[in-house]
Amino acid sequence: MFDIGATELLLVAVIGLVVVGPERLPRLARTLGLWVKRLRGQVQSIQKDINRELELEDLKRQLEERGGGLKMEDIAGEDPLGLSQTNTTQAEKNERSKSD
């Protein structure tokens, strides 16, 4: 990614030693390392999420193409979780209790 050679790295270390001082330089390097690690982890997490979404979109597109015009709603139904059935049974119970 970055084309940093040994000479450039040594120059940065010398400038850091002069500017920050020998006592605080190890702590600064450790802190910068931790921040870089966290940043890389966040970037990796975002990349995984994007790749997962792209794969899901591709699978959905393939399913719709191979399904002969079927869409995801046709296969899963209008209410794949069965929420409307729960509502109707609850409504039926309410009607029964009112009539009694």
PDB file of N, CA and C in Angstrom:
ATOM      1  N   MET A   1       0.829  -1.177   0.000  1.00  0.00           N
ATOM      2  CA  MET A   1       0.000   0.000   0.000  1.00  0.00           C
ATOM      3  C   MET A   1       0.880   1.249   0.000  1.00  0.00           C
ATOM      4  N   PHE A   2       1.650   1.453   1.057  1.00  0.00           N
ATOM      5  CA  PHE A   2       2.578   2.569   1.092  1.00  0.00           C
ATOM      6  C   PHE A   2       3.954   2.036   0.773  1.00  0.00           C
ATOM      7  N   ASP A   3       4.686   2.782  -0.008  1.00  0.00           N
ATOM      8  CA  ASP A   3       6.035   2.371  -0.381  1.00  0.00           C
ATOM      9  C   ASP A   3       7.018   3.081   0.544  1.00  0.00           C
ATOM     10  N   ILE A   4       7.131   2.554   1.766  1.00  0.00           N
ATOM     11  CA  ILE A   4       8.024   3.143   2.754  1.00  0.00           C
ATOM     12  C   ILE A   4       9.221   2.220   2.903  1.00  0.00           C
ATOM     13  N   GLY A   5      10.387   2.759   2.651  1.00  0.00           N
ATOM     14  CA  GLY A   5      11.616   1.996   2.780  1.00  0.00           C
ATOM     15  C   GLY A   5      12.227   2.166   4.156  1.00  0.00           C
ATOM     16  N   ALA A   6      13.359   1.499   4.360  1.00  0.00           N
ATOM     17  CA  ALA A   6      14.049   1.552   5.648  1.00  0.00           C
ATOM     18  C   ALA A   6      14.579   2.957   5.928  1.00  0.00           C
ATOM     19  N   THR A   7      15.026   3.653   4.896  1.00  0.00           N
ATOM     20  CA  THR A   7      15.567   4.994   5.080  1.00  0.00           C
ATOM     21  C   THR A   7      14.487   5.960   5.556  1.00  0.00           C
ATOM     22  N   GLU A   8      13.320   5.904   4.936  1.00  0.00           N
ATOM     23  CA  GLU A   8      12.237   6.788   5.349  1.00  0.00           C
ATOM     24  C   GLU A   8      11.770   6.474   6.761  1.00  0.00           C
ATOM     25  N   LEU A   9      11.713   5.193   7.102  1.00  0.00           N
ATOM     26  CA  LEU A   9      11.306   4.797   8.438  1.00  0.00           C
ATOM     27  C   LEU A   9      12.302   5.283   9.491  1.00  0.00           C
ATOM     28  N   LEU A  10      13.591   5.198   9.197  1.00  0.00           N
ATOM     29  CA  LEU A  10      14.627   5.684  10.108  1.00  0.00           C
ATOM     30  C   LEU A  10      14.524   7.194  10.266  1.00  0.00           C
ATOM     31  N   LEU A  11      14.269   7.912   9.180  1.00  0.00           N
ATOM     32  CA  LEU A  11      14.123   9.367   9.245  1.00  0.00           C
ATOM     33  C   LEU A  11      12.925   9.765  10.117  1.00  0.00           C
ATOM     34  N   VAL A  12      11.805   9.084   9.979  1.00  0.00           N
ATOM     35  CA  VAL A  12      10.630   9.366  10.801  1.00  0.00           C
ATOM     36  C   VAL A  12      10.931   9.073  12.274  1.00  0.00           C
ATOM     37  N   ALA A  13      11.651   7.989  12.560  1.00  0.00           N
ATOM     38  CA  ALA A  13      12.001   7.646  13.934  1.00  0.00           C
ATOM     39  C   ALA A  13      12.900   8.704  14.561  1.00  0.00           C
ATOM     40  N   VAL A  14      13.870   9.217  13.814  1.00  0.00           N
ATOM     41  CA  VAL A  14      14.777  10.245  14.328  1.00  0.00           C
ATOM     42  C   VAL A  14      14.008  11.538  14.590  1.00  0.00           C
ATOM     43  N   ILE A  15      13.142  11.923  13.662  1.00  0.00           N
ATOM     44  CA  ILE A  15      12.345  13.146  13.864  1.00  0.00           C
ATOM     45  C   ILE A  15      11.416  12.969  15.066  1.00  0.00           C
ATOM     46  N   GLY A  16      10.805  11.812  15.205  1.00  0.00           N
ATOM     47  CA  GLY A  16       9.951  11.539  16.353  1.00  0.00           C
ATOM     48  C   GLY A  16      10.722  11.576  17.656  1.00  0.00           C
ATOM     49  N   LEU A  17      11.942  11.061  17.650  1.00  0.00           N
ATOM     50  CA  LEU A  17      12.780  11.084  18.845  1.00  0.00           C
ATOM     51  C   LEU A  17      13.133  12.503  19.249  1.00  0.00           C
ATOM     52  N   VAL A  18      13.414  13.339  18.274  1.00  0.00           N
ATOM     53  CA  VAL A  18      13.766  14.730  18.566  1.00  0.00           C
ATOM     54  C   VAL A  18      12.540  15.509  19.034  1.00  0.00           C
ATOM     55  N   VAL A  19      11.408  15.343  18.349  1.00  0.00           N
ATOM     56  CA  VAL A  19      10.220  16.136  18.662  1.00  0.00           C
ATOM     57  C   VAL A  19       9.562  15.671  19.962  1.00  0.00           C
ATOM     58  N   VAL A  20       9.349  14.380  20.125  1.00  0.00           N
ATOM     59  CA  VAL A  20       8.612  13.863  21.262  1.00  0.00           C
ATOM     60  C   VAL A  20       9.521  13.629  22.466  1.00  0.00           C
ATOM     61  N   GLY A  21      10.698  13.169  22.230  1.00  0.00           N
ATOM     62  CA  GLY A  21      11.622  12.868  23.328  1.00  0.00           C
ATOM     63  C   GLY A  21      11.710  11.376  23.554  1.00  0.00           C
ATOM     64  N   PRO A  22      12.821  10.941  24.120  1.00  0.00           N
ATOM     65  CA  PRO A  22      13.033   9.497  24.292  1.00  0.00           C
ATOM     66  C   PRO A  22      12.117   8.851  25.338  1.00  0.00           C
ATOM     67  N   GLU A  23      11.603   9.645  26.287  1.00  0.00           N
ATOM     68  CA  GLU A  23      10.759   9.056  27.328  1.00  0.00           C
ATOM     69  C   GLU A  23       9.353   8.752  26.812  1.00  0.00           C
ATOM     70  N   ARG A  24       8.820   9.621  25.981  1.00  0.00           N
ATOM     71  CA  ARG A  24       7.429   9.467  25.528  1.00  0.00           C
ATOM     72  C   ARG A  24       7.304   8.758  24.177  1.00  0.00           C
ATOM     73  N   LEU A  25       8.401   8.558  23.479  1.00  0.00           N
ATOM     74  CA  LEU A  25       8.339   7.942  22.143  1.00  0.00           C
ATOM     75  C   LEU A  25       7.781   6.515  22.176  1.00  0.00           C
ATOM     76  N   PRO A  26       8.194   5.627  23.095  1.00  0.00           N
ATOM     77  CA  PRO A  26       7.603   4.269  23.104  1.00  0.00           C
ATOM     78  C   PRO A  26       6.100   4.277  23.371  1.00  0.00           C
ATOM     79  N   ARG A  27       5.651   5.156  24.276  1.00  0.00           N
ATOM     80  CA  ARG A  27       4.224   5.240  24.570  1.00  0.00           C
ATOM     81  C   ARG A  27       3.455   5.758  23.354  1.00  0.00           C
ATOM     82  N   LEU A  28       4.036   6.737  22.660  1.00  0.00           N
ATOM     83  CA  LEU A  28       3.404   7.271  21.450  1.00  0.00           C
ATOM     84  C   LEU A  28       3.315   6.209  20.361  1.00  0.00           C
ATOM     85  N   ALA A  29       4.394   5.443  20.187  1.00  0.00           N
ATOM     86  CA  ALA A  29       4.398   4.386  19.170  1.00  0.00           C
ATOM     87  C   ALA A  29       3.358   3.325  19.501  1.00  0.00           C
ATOM     88  N   ARG A  30       3.227   2.967  20.773  1.00  0.00           N
ATOM     89  CA  ARG A  30       2.250   1.973  21.195  1.00  0.00           C
ATOM     90  C   ARG A  30       0.825   2.484  20.957  1.00  0.00           C
ATOM     91  N   THR A  31       0.592   3.739  21.290  1.00  0.00           N
ATOM     92  CA  THR A  31      -0.729   4.328  21.090  1.00  0.00           C
ATOM     93  C   THR A  31      -1.086   4.389  19.611  1.00  0.00           C
ATOM     94  N   LEU A  32      -0.122   4.804  18.798  1.00  0.00           N
ATOM     95  CA  LEU A  32      -0.379   4.841  17.350  1.00  0.00           C
ATOM     96  C   LEU A  32      -0.647   3.446  16.801  1.00  0.00           C
ATOM     97  N   GLY A  33       0.074   2.453  17.294  1.00  0.00           N
ATOM     98  CA  GLY A  33      -0.151   1.072  16.871  1.00  0.00           C
ATOM     99  C   GLY A  33      -1.548   0.591  17.216  1.00  0.00           C
ATOM    100  N   LEU A  34      -2.011   0.940  18.421  1.00  0.00           N
ATOM    101  CA  LEU A  34      -3.368   0.553  18.823  1.00  0.00           C
ATOM    102  C   LEU A  34      -4.421   1.227  17.956  1.00  0.00           C
ATOM    103  N   TRP A  35      -4.223   2.505  17.648  1.00  0.00           N
ATOM    104  CA  TRP A  35      -5.184   3.216  16.796  1.00  0.00           C
ATOM    105  C   TRP A  35      -5.222   2.618  15.391  1.00  0.00           C
ATOM    106  N   VAL A  36      -4.045   2.267  14.871  1.00  0.00           N
ATOM    107  CA  VAL A  36      -3.997   1.655  13.532  1.00  0.00           C
ATOM    108  C   VAL A  36      -4.700   0.305  13.554  1.00  0.00           C
ATOM    109  N   LYS A  37      -4.508  -0.461  14.632  1.00  0.00           N
ATOM    110  CA  LYS A  37      -5.170  -1.767  14.759  1.00  0.00           C
ATOM    111  C   LYS A  37      -6.685  -1.605  14.798  1.00  0.00           C
ATOM    112  N   ARG A  38      -7.171  -0.638  15.566  1.00  0.00           N
ATOM    113  CA  ARG A  38      -8.613  -0.393  15.641  1.00  0.00           C
ATOM    114  C   ARG A  38      -9.170   0.047  14.290  1.00  0.00           C
ATOM    115  N   LEU A  39      -8.436   0.909  13.620  1.00  0.00           N
ATOM    116  CA  LEU A  39      -8.876   1.389  12.312  1.00  0.00           C
ATOM    117  C   LEU A  39      -8.956   0.248  11.311  1.00  0.00           C
ATOM    118  N   ARG A  40      -7.954  -0.618  11.316  1.00  0.00           N
ATOM    119  CA  ARG A  40      -7.973  -1.765  10.401  1.00  0.00           C
ATOM    120  C   ARG A  40      -9.147  -2.694  10.716  1.00  0.00           C
ATOM    121  N   GLY A  41      -9.424  -2.898  12.000  1.00  0.00           N
ATOM    122  CA  GLY A  41     -10.560  -3.736  12.390  1.00  0.00           C
ATOM    123  C   GLY A  41     -11.882  -3.160  11.909  1.00  0.00           C
ATOM    124  N   GLN A  42     -12.041  -1.845  12.033  1.00  0.00           N
ATOM    125  CA  GLN A  42     -13.272  -1.201  11.568  1.00  0.00           C
ATOM    126  C   GLN A  42     -13.419  -1.322  10.053  1.00  0.00           C
ATOM    127  N   VAL A  43     -12.319  -1.101   9.338  1.00  0.00           N
ATOM    128  CA  VAL A  43     -12.361  -1.209   7.875  1.00  0.00           C
ATOM    129  C   VAL A  43     -12.698  -2.635   7.467  1.00  0.00           C
ATOM    130  N   GLN A  44     -12.114  -3.617   8.153  1.00  0.00           N
ATOM    131  CA  GLN A  44     -12.409  -5.014   7.837  1.00  0.00           C
ATOM    132  C   GLN A  44     -13.881  -5.340   8.102  1.00  0.00           C
ATOM    133  N   SER A  45     -14.413  -4.819   9.193  1.00  0.00           N
ATOM    134  CA  SER A  45     -15.824  -5.051   9.523  1.00  0.00           C
ATOM    135  C   SER A  45     -16.738  -4.455   8.456  1.00  0.00           C
ATOM    136  N   ILE A  46     -16.428  -3.261   8.016  1.00  0.00           N
ATOM    137  CA  ILE A  46     -17.229  -2.614   6.972  1.00  0.00           C
ATOM    138  C   ILE A  46     -17.139  -3.388   5.669  1.00  0.00           C
ATOM    139  N   GLN A  47     -15.941  -3.872   5.332  1.00  0.00           N
ATOM    140  CA  GLN A  47     -15.775  -4.659   4.107  1.00  0.00           C
ATOM    141  C   GLN A  47     -16.587  -5.948   4.172  1.00  0.00           C
ATOM    142  N   LYS A  48     -16.592  -6.610   5.338  1.00  0.00           N
ATOM    143  CA  LYS A  48     -17.379  -7.843   5.482  1.00  0.00           C
ATOM    144  C   LYS A  48     -18.861  -7.559   5.294  1.00  0.00           C
ATOM    145  N   ASP A  49     -19.347  -6.465   5.890  1.00  0.00           N
ATOM    146  CA  ASP A  49     -20.761  -6.109   5.760  1.00  0.00           C
ATOM    147  C   ASP A  49     -21.125  -5.823   4.306  1.00  0.00           C
ATOM    148  N   ILE A  50     -20.278  -5.088   3.618  1.00  0.00           N
ATOM    149  CA  ILE A  50     -20.545  -4.760   2.213  1.00  0.00           C
ATOM    150  C   ILE A  50     -20.539  -6.023   1.366  1.00  0.00           C
ATOM    151  N   ASN A  51     -19.555  -6.902   1.587  1.00  0.00           N
ATOM    152  CA  ASN A  51     -19.495  -8.147   0.816  1.00  0.00           C
ATOM    153  C   ASN A  51     -20.715  -9.019   1.080  1.00  0.00           C
ATOM    154  N   ARG A  52     -21.163  -9.077   2.338  1.00  0.00           N
ATOM    155  CA  ARG A  52     -22.338  -9.876   2.682  1.00  0.00           C
ATOM    156  C   ARG A  52     -23.579  -9.330   1.983  1.00  0.00           C
ATOM    157  N   GLU A  53     -23.739  -8.016   1.975  1.00  0.00           N
ATOM    158  CA  GLU A  53     -24.885  -7.408   1.300  1.00  0.00           C
ATOM    159  C   GLU A  53     -24.852  -7.665  -0.202  1.00  0.00           C
ATOM    160  N   LEU A  54     -23.659  -7.571  -0.795  1.00  0.00           N
ATOM    161  CA  LEU A  54     -23.541  -7.832  -2.229  1.00  0.00           C
ATOM    162  C   LEU A  54     -23.878  -9.285  -2.560  1.00  0.00           C
ATOM    163  N   GLU A  55     -23.429 -10.209  -1.720  1.00  0.00           N
ATOM    164  CA  GLU A  55     -23.738 -11.615  -1.950  1.00  0.00           C
ATOM    165  C   GLU A  55     -25.233 -11.874  -1.828  1.00  0.00           C
ATOM    166  N   LEU A  56     -25.871 -11.251  -0.845  1.00  0.00           N
ATOM    167  CA  LEU A  56     -27.313 -11.429  -0.688  1.00  0.00           C
ATOM    168  C   LEU A  56     -28.085 -10.860  -1.874  1.00  0.00           C
ATOM    169  N   GLU A  57     -27.666  -9.704  -2.363  1.00  0.00           N
ATOM    170  CA  GLU A  57     -28.319  -9.125  -3.543  1.00  0.00           C
ATOM    171  C   GLU A  57     -28.134 -10.028  -4.756  1.00  0.00           C
ATOM    172  N   ASP A  58     -26.934 -10.601  -4.904  1.00  0.00           N
ATOM    173  CA  ASP A  58     -26.676 -11.488  -6.028  1.00  0.00           C
ATOM    174  C   ASP A  58     -27.531 -12.753  -5.925  1.00  0.00           C
ATOM    175  N   LEU A  59     -27.628 -13.317  -4.723  1.00  0.00           N
ATOM    176  CA  LEU A  59     -28.468 -14.499  -4.540  1.00  0.00           C
ATOM    177  C   LEU A  59     -29.936 -14.198  -4.820  1.00  0.00           C
ATOM    178  N   LYS A  60     -30.390 -13.053  -4.383  1.00  0.00           N
ATOM    179  CA  LYS A  60     -31.784 -12.673  -4.627  1.00  0.00           C
ATOM    180  C   LYS A  60     -32.039 -12.508  -6.118  1.00  0.00           C
ATOM    181  N   ARG A  61     -31.102 -11.878  -6.813  1.00  0.00           N
ATOM    182  CA  ARG A  61     -31.244 -11.695  -8.261  1.00  0.00           C
ATOM    183  C   ARG A  61     -31.252 -13.038  -8.971  1.00  0.00           C
ATOM    184  N   GLN A  62     -30.348 -13.949  -8.573  1.00  0.00           N
ATOM    185  CA  GLN A  62     -30.304 -15.274  -9.190  1.00  0.00           C
ATOM    186  C   GLN A  62     -31.588 -16.039  -8.921  1.00  0.00           C
ATOM    187  N   LEU A  63     -32.114 -15.920  -7.712  1.00  0.00           N
ATOM    188  CA  LEU A  63     -33.362 -16.607  -7.366  1.00  0.00           C
ATOM    189  C   LEU A  63     -34.509 -16.103  -8.215  1.00  0.00           C
ATOM    190  N   GLU A  64     -34.586 -14.806  -8.407  1.00  0.00           N
ATOM    191  CA  GLU A  64     -35.661 -14.242  -9.213  1.00  0.00           C
ATOM    192  C   GLU A  64     -35.501 -14.615 -10.688  1.00  0.00           C
ATOM    193  N   GLU A  65     -34.248 -14.708 -11.172  1.00  0.00           N
ATOM    194  CA  GLU A  65     -34.019 -15.095 -12.568  1.00  0.00           C
ATOM    195  C   GLU A  65     -34.383 -16.553 -12.801  1.00  0.00           C
ATOM    196  N   ARG A  66     -34.010 -17.424 -11.885  1.00  0.00           N
ATOM    197  CA  ARG A  66     -34.257 -18.855 -12.059  1.00  0.00           C
ATOM    198  C   ARG A  66     -35.677 -19.252 -11.683  1.00  0.00           C
ATOM    199  N   GLY A  67     -36.355 -18.407 -10.971  1.00  0.00           N
ATOM    200  CA  GLY A  67     -37.681 -18.770 -10.484  1.00  0.00           C
ATOM    201  C   GLY A  67     -38.767 -18.663 -11.525  1.00  0.00           C
ATOM    202  N   GLY A  68     -38.452 -18.310 -12.751  1.00  0.00           N
ATOM    203  CA  GLY A  68     -39.461 -18.219 -13.791  1.00  0.00           C
ATOM    204  C   GLY A  68     -40.446 -17.094 -13.526  1.00  0.00           C
ATOM    205  N   GLY A  69     -39.942 -15.988 -13.080  1.00  0.00           N
ATOM    206  CA  GLY A  69     -40.801 -14.853 -12.821  1.00  0.00           C
ATOM    207  C   GLY A  69     -41.262 -14.755 -11.376  1.00  0.00           C
ATOM    208  N   LEU A  70     -40.908 -15.735 -10.571  1.00  0.00           N
ATOM    209  CA  LEU A  70     -41.279 -15.678  -9.162  1.00  0.00           C
ATOM    210  C   LEU A  70     -40.419 -14.658  -8.441  1.00  0.00           C
ATOM    211  N   LYS A  71     -41.000 -14.014  -7.500  1.00  0.00           N
ATOM    212  CA  LYS A  71     -40.256 -13.075  -6.680  1.00  0.00           C
ATOM    213  C   LYS A  71     -40.128 -13.659  -5.290  1.00  0.00           C
ATOM    214  N   MET A  72     -39.313 -13.021  -4.485  1.00  0.00           N
ATOM    215  CA  MET A  72     -39.079 -13.506  -3.137  1.00  0.00           C
ATOM    216  C   MET A  72     -40.377 -13.562  -2.338  1.00  0.00           C
ATOM    217  N   GLU A  73     -41.265 -12.603  -2.553  1.00  0.00           N
ATOM    218  CA  GLU A  73     -42.531 -12.575  -1.828  1.00  0.00           C
ATOM    219  C   GLU A  73     -43.418 -13.755  -2.221  1.00  0.00           C
ATOM    220  N   ASP A  74     -43.311 -14.197  -3.489  1.00  0.00           N
ATOM    221  CA  ASP A  74     -44.106 -15.330  -3.939  1.00  0.00           C
ATOM    222  C   ASP A  74     -43.690 -16.611  -3.225  1.00  0.00           C
ATOM    223  N   ILE A  75     -42.406 -16.744  -2.984  1.00  0.00           N
ATOM    224  CA  ILE A  75     -41.889 -17.963  -2.354  1.00  0.00           C
ATOM    225  C   ILE A  75     -42.135 -17.925  -0.849  1.00  0.00           C
ATOM    226  N   ALA A  76     -41.832 -16.791  -0.229  1.00  0.00           N
ATOM    227  CA  ALA A  76     -41.959 -16.691   1.222  1.00  0.00           C
ATOM    228  C   ALA A  76     -43.392 -16.417   1.635  1.00  0.00           C
ATOM    229  N   GLY A  77     -44.215 -15.945   0.732  1.00  0.00           N
ATOM    230  CA  GLY A  77     -45.583 -15.591   1.077  1.00  0.00           C
ATOM    231  C   GLY A  77     -45.653 -14.135   1.499  1.00  0.00           C
ATOM    232  N   GLU A  78     -46.852 -13.641   1.589  1.00  0.00           N
ATOM    233  CA  GLU A  78     -47.034 -12.243   1.974  1.00  0.00           C
ATOM    234  C   GLU A  78     -46.663 -12.022   3.415  1.00  0.00           C
ATOM    235  N   ASP A  79     -46.883 -13.047   4.236  1.00  0.00           N
ATOM    236  CA  ASP A  79     -46.622 -12.926   5.665  1.00  0.00           C
ATOM    237  C   ASP A  79     -45.785 -14.132   6.107  1.00  0.00           C
ATOM    238  N   PRO A  80     -44.473 -14.131   5.822  1.00  0.00           N
ATOM    239  CA  PRO A  80     -43.661 -15.314   6.105  1.00  0.00           C
ATOM    240  C   PRO A  80     -43.548 -15.628   7.594  1.00  0.00           C
ATOM    241  N   LEU A  81     -43.748 -14.646   8.460  1.00  0.00           N
ATOM    242  CA  LEU A  81     -43.651 -14.900   9.891  1.00  0.00           C
ATOM    243  C   LEU A  81     -44.977 -15.320  10.513  1.00  0.00           C
ATOM    244  N   GLY A  82     -46.031 -15.244   9.758  1.00  0.00           N
ATOM    245  CA  GLY A  82     -47.332 -15.647  10.255  1.00  0.00           C
ATOM    246  C   GLY A  82     -47.951 -14.642  11.210  1.00  0.00           C
ATOM    247  N   LEU A  83     -47.647 -13.393  11.039  1.00  0.00           N
ATOM    248  CA  LEU A  83     -48.164 -12.368  11.935  1.00  0.00           C
ATOM    249  C   LEU A  83     -49.650 -12.128  11.734  1.00  0.00           C
ATOM    250  N   SER A  84     -50.124 -12.215  10.500  1.00  0.00           N
ATOM    251  CA  SER A  84     -51.550 -11.960  10.265  1.00  0.00           C
ATOM    252  C   SER A  84     -52.402 -13.074  10.850  1.00  0.00           C
ATOM    253  N   GLN A  85     -51.909 -14.303  10.876  1.00  0.00           N
ATOM    254  CA  GLN A  85     -52.661 -15.408  11.469  1.00  0.00           C
ATOM    255  C   GLN A  85     -52.814 -15.200  12.966  1.00  0.00           C
ATOM    256  N   THR A  86     -51.785 -14.684  13.598  1.00  0.00           N
ATOM    257  CA  THR A  86     -51.853 -14.412  15.029  1.00  0.00           C
ATOM    258  C   THR A  86     -52.887 -13.338  15.305  1.00  0.00           C
ATOM    259  N   ASN A  87     -52.919 -12.331  14.440  1.00  0.00           N
ATOM    260  CA  ASN A  87     -53.898 -11.260  14.619  1.00  0.00           C
ATOM    261  C   ASN A  87     -55.321 -11.764  14.420  1.00  0.00           C
ATOM    262  N   THR A  88     -55.535 -12.639  13.440  1.00  0.00           N
ATOM    263  CA  THR A  88     -56.880 -13.142  13.203  1.00  0.00           C
ATOM    264  C   THR A  88     -57.329 -14.037  14.349  1.00  0.00           C
ATOM    265  N   THR A  89     -56.446 -14.849  14.876  1.00  0.00           N
ATOM    266  CA  THR A  89     -56.850 -15.703  15.985  1.00  0.00           C
ATOM    267  C   THR A  89     -57.158 -14.855  17.208  1.00  0.00           C
ATOM    268  N   GLN A  90     -56.401 -13.804  17.411  1.00  0.00           N
ATOM    269  CA  GLN A  90     -56.682 -12.900  18.518  1.00  0.00           C
ATOM    270  C   GLN A  90     -58.024 -12.204  18.298  1.00  0.00           C
ATOM    271  N   ALA A  91     -58.287 -11.792  17.049  1.00  0.00           N
ATOM    272  CA  ALA A  91     -59.563 -11.147  16.743  1.00  0.00           C
ATOM    273  C   ALA A  91     -60.715 -12.129  16.946  1.00  0.00           C
ATOM    274  N   GLU A  92     -60.524 -13.398  16.553  1.00  0.00           N
ATOM    275  CA  GLU A  92     -61.556 -14.403  16.749  1.00  0.00           C
ATOM    276  C   GLU A  92     -61.834 -14.599  18.245  1.00  0.00           C
ATOM    277  N   LYS A  93     -60.782 -14.607  19.037  1.00  0.00           N
ATOM    278  CA  LYS A  93     -60.976 -14.756  20.487  1.00  0.00           C
ATOM    279  C   LYS A  93     -61.746 -13.582  21.058  1.00  0.00           C
ATOM    280  N   ASN A  94     -61.435 -12.388  20.560  1.00  0.00           N
ATOM    281  CA  ASN A  94     -62.156 -11.195  21.037  1.00  0.00           C
ATOM    282  C   ASN A  94     -63.629 -11.278  20.671  1.00  0.00           C
ATOM    283  N   GLU A  95     -63.923 -11.741  19.443  1.00  0.00           N
ATOM    284  CA  GLU A  95     -65.308 -11.848  19.008  1.00  0.00           C
ATOM    285  C   GLU A  95     -66.067 -12.891  19.834  1.00  0.00           C
ATOM    286  N   ARG A  96     -65.402 -13.995  20.131  1.00  0.00           N
ATOM    287  CA  ARG A  96     -66.033 -15.032  20.929  1.00  0.00           C
ATOM    288  C   ARG A  96     -66.346 -14.534  22.333  1.00  0.00           C
ATOM    289  N   SER A  97     -65.408 -13.784  22.898  1.00  0.00           N
ATOM    290  CA  SER A  97     -65.638 -13.293  24.266  1.00  0.00           C
ATOM    291  C   SER A  97     -66.765 -12.256  24.292  1.00  0.00           C
ATOM    292  N   LYS A  98     -66.914 -11.490  23.214  1.00  0.00           N
ATOM    293  CA  LYS A  98     -67.988 -10.498  23.150  1.00  0.00           C
ATOM    294  C   LYS A  98     -69.349 -11.166  23.023  1.00  0.00           C
ATOM    295  N   SER A  99     -69.409 -12.255  22.245  1.00  0.00           N
ATOM    296  CA  SER A  99     -70.691 -12.916  22.021  1.00  0.00           C
ATOM    297  C   SER A  99     -71.146 -13.692  23.255  1.00  0.00           C
ATOM    298  N   ASP A 100     -70.216 -14.078  24.123  1.00  0.00           N
ATOM    299  CA  ASP A 100     -70.585 -14.819  25.334  1.00  0.00           C
ATOM    300  C   ASP A 100     -71.102 -13.915  26.363  1.00  0.00           C
TER     301      ASP A 100
END
